Amino acid sequence: MSKKNNKLQPETAPAQAPQPSPEPQQPARQPVSKAQIWTFWGAVAAALVSARVLDAALPSVPERVIERWIMVAFAAFLGVFLIKLK
């Protein structure tokens, strides 16, 4: 036969059930307008188009340099856009 662990443990009834802590309230977010969405995607399209135009217009300039120019301008746009969005 198998041995069973028959240790007597005193039963302690909890005085009160633990109450869940209240979750912190998140600030109400404003919905994003369609104008903001169009502005963002317009800037993405403008970056793409300007990269193609600069690549065709300046064949002697390496592509990596044009890419850096576009990314610097896009990063500046994103910085301003996110500050205004906040």
C-alpha atoms as a PDB file:
ATOM      1  CA  MET A   1       0.000   0.000   0.000  1.00  0.00           C
ATOM      2  CA  SER A   2       1.080   3.512  -0.572  1.00  0.00           C
ATOM      3  CA  LYS A   3       1.746   5.887   2.233  1.00  0.00           C
ATOM      4  CA  LYS A   4      -0.309   9.021   2.430  1.00  0.00           C
ATOM      5  CA  ASN A   5       0.723  12.269   3.950  1.00  0.00           C
ATOM      6  CA  ASN A   6      -1.719  12.630   6.788  1.00  0.00           C
ATOM      7  CA  LYS A   7      -0.299  15.687   8.496  1.00  0.00           C
ATOM      8  CA  LEU A   8      -2.949  17.730  10.146  1.00  0.00           C
ATOM      9  CA  GLN A   9      -2.889  21.300   9.048  1.00  0.00           C
ATOM     10  CA  PRO A  10      -4.920  23.829  10.937  1.00  0.00           C
ATOM     11  CA  GLU A  11      -7.561  25.357   8.765  1.00  0.00           C
ATOM     12  CA  THR A  12      -7.405  29.079   8.721  1.00  0.00           C
ATOM     13  CA  ALA A  13     -10.379  30.804   7.275  1.00  0.00           C
ATOM     14  CA  PRO A  14      -9.501  34.103   5.723  1.00  0.00           C
ATOM     15  CA  ALA A  15     -11.176  36.972   7.509  1.00  0.00           C
ATOM     16  CA  GLN A  16     -11.766  38.834   4.266  1.00  0.00           C
ATOM     17  CA  ALA A  17     -11.311  37.819   0.706  1.00  0.00           C
ATOM     18  CA  PRO A  18      -8.501  39.796  -0.930  1.00  0.00           C
ATOM     19  CA  GLN A  19      -9.939  42.621  -2.943  1.00  0.00           C
ATOM     20  CA  PRO A  20      -8.443  43.354  -6.329  1.00  0.00           C
ATOM     21  CA  SER A  21      -6.583  46.611  -6.405  1.00  0.00           C
ATOM     22  CA  PRO A  22      -8.273  49.237  -8.532  1.00  0.00           C
ATOM     23  CA  GLU A  23      -6.641  49.590 -11.923  1.00  0.00           C
ATOM     24  CA  PRO A  24      -5.147  52.995 -12.648  1.00  0.00           C
ATOM     25  CA  GLN A  25      -7.366  55.084 -14.844  1.00  0.00           C
ATOM     26  CA  GLN A  26      -5.955  55.681 -18.282  1.00  0.00           C
ATOM     27  CA  PRO A  27      -6.394  59.180 -19.615  1.00  0.00           C
ATOM     28  CA  ALA A  28      -9.114  59.494 -22.194  1.00  0.00           C
ATOM     29  CA  ARG A  29      -7.637  59.449 -25.689  1.00  0.00           C
ATOM     30  CA  GLN A  30      -8.895  61.707 -28.363  1.00  0.00           C
ATOM     31  CA  PRO A  31      -9.764  59.957 -31.599  1.00  0.00           C
ATOM     32  CA  VAL A  32      -7.399  60.588 -34.471  1.00  0.00           C
ATOM     33  CA  SER A  33      -8.979  62.673 -37.183  1.00  0.00           C
ATOM     34  CA  LYS A  34      -8.974  61.746 -40.843  1.00  0.00           C
ATOM     35  CA  ALA A  35      -6.930  64.875 -41.569  1.00  0.00           C
ATOM     36  CA  GLN A  36      -4.130  63.595 -39.339  1.00  0.00           C
ATOM     37  CA  ILE A  37      -4.186  60.217 -41.056  1.00  0.00           C
ATOM     38  CA  TRP A  38      -4.089  61.846 -44.498  1.00  0.00           C
ATOM     39  CA  THR A  39      -1.260  64.133 -43.379  1.00  0.00           C
ATOM     40  CA  PHE A  40       0.849  61.196 -42.233  1.00  0.00           C
ATOM     41  CA  TRP A  41       0.317  59.102 -45.360  1.00  0.00           C
ATOM     42  CA  GLY A  42       0.768  62.197 -47.537  1.00  0.00           C
ATOM     43  CA  ALA A  43       4.183  62.726 -45.959  1.00  0.00           C
ATOM     44  CA  VAL A  44       5.090  59.080 -46.590  1.00  0.00           C
ATOM     45  CA  ALA A  45       4.053  59.445 -50.234  1.00  0.00           C
ATOM     46  CA  ALA A  46       5.932  62.755 -50.534  1.00  0.00           C
ATOM     47  CA  ALA A  47       9.093  61.128 -49.176  1.00  0.00           C
ATOM     48  CA  LEU A  48       8.792  58.312 -51.693  1.00  0.00           C
ATOM     49  CA  VAL A  49       8.108  60.599 -54.633  1.00  0.00           C
ATOM     50  CA  SER A  50      10.857  63.039 -53.689  1.00  0.00           C
ATOM     51  CA  ALA A  51      13.362  60.183 -53.376  1.00  0.00           C
ATOM     52  CA  ARG A  52      12.492  58.991 -56.893  1.00  0.00           C
ATOM     53  CA  VAL A  53      12.636  62.523 -58.325  1.00  0.00           C
ATOM     54  CA  LEU A  54      15.964  63.332 -56.663  1.00  0.00           C
ATOM     55  CA  ASP A  55      17.418  60.010 -57.822  1.00  0.00           C
ATOM     56  CA  ALA A  56      16.427  60.767 -61.423  1.00  0.00           C
ATOM     57  CA  ALA A  57      17.399  64.453 -61.283  1.00  0.00           C
ATOM     58  CA  LEU A  58      20.779  63.946 -59.619  1.00  0.00           C
ATOM     59  CA  PRO A  59      22.389  60.883 -61.211  1.00  0.00           C
ATOM     60  CA  SER A  60      25.877  61.805 -59.956  1.00  0.00           C
ATOM     61  CA  VAL A  61      24.774  61.845 -56.289  1.00  0.00           C
ATOM     62  CA  PRO A  62      24.940  58.411 -54.627  1.00  0.00           C
ATOM     63  CA  GLU A  63      21.626  56.882 -53.679  1.00  0.00           C
ATOM     64  CA  ARG A  64      22.662  56.538 -50.030  1.00  0.00           C
ATOM     65  CA  VAL A  65      23.138  60.322 -49.773  1.00  0.00           C
ATOM     66  CA  ILE A  66      19.681  60.997 -51.203  1.00  0.00           C
ATOM     67  CA  GLU A  67      18.242  58.417 -48.835  1.00  0.00           C
ATOM     68  CA  ARG A  68      19.838  60.206 -45.877  1.00  0.00           C
ATOM     69  CA  TRP A  69      18.413  63.552 -46.987  1.00  0.00           C
ATOM     70  CA  ILE A  70      14.942  62.080 -47.276  1.00  0.00           C
ATOM     71  CA  MET A  71      15.173  60.284 -43.925  1.00  0.00           C
ATOM     72  CA  VAL A  72      16.365  63.433 -42.127  1.00  0.00           C
ATOM     73  CA  ALA A  73      13.447  65.387 -43.560  1.00  0.00           C
ATOM     74  CA  PHE A  74      11.004  62.594 -42.695  1.00  0.00           C
ATOM     75  CA  ALA A  75      12.372  62.336 -39.145  1.00  0.00           C
ATOM     76  CA  ALA A  76      11.866  66.074 -38.708  1.00  0.00           C
ATOM     77  CA  PHE A  77       8.320  65.731 -39.981  1.00  0.00           C
ATOM     78  CA  LEU A  78       7.625  62.843 -37.595  1.00  0.00           C
ATOM     79  CA  GLY A  79       8.989  64.811 -34.665  1.00  0.00           C
ATOM     80  CA  VAL A  80       6.711  67.765 -35.368  1.00  0.00           C
ATOM     81  CA  PHE A  81       3.770  65.504 -36.216  1.00  0.00           C
ATOM     82  CA  LEU A  82       4.030  63.525 -32.973  1.00  0.00           C
ATOM     83  CA  ILE A  83       4.407  66.666 -30.866  1.00  0.00           C
ATOM     84  CA  LYS A  84       1.278  68.125 -32.467  1.00  0.00           C
ATOM     85  CA  LEU A  85      -0.547  64.806 -32.073  1.00  0.00           C
ATOM     86  CA  LYS A  86       0.103  64.772 -28.351  1.00  0.00           C
END
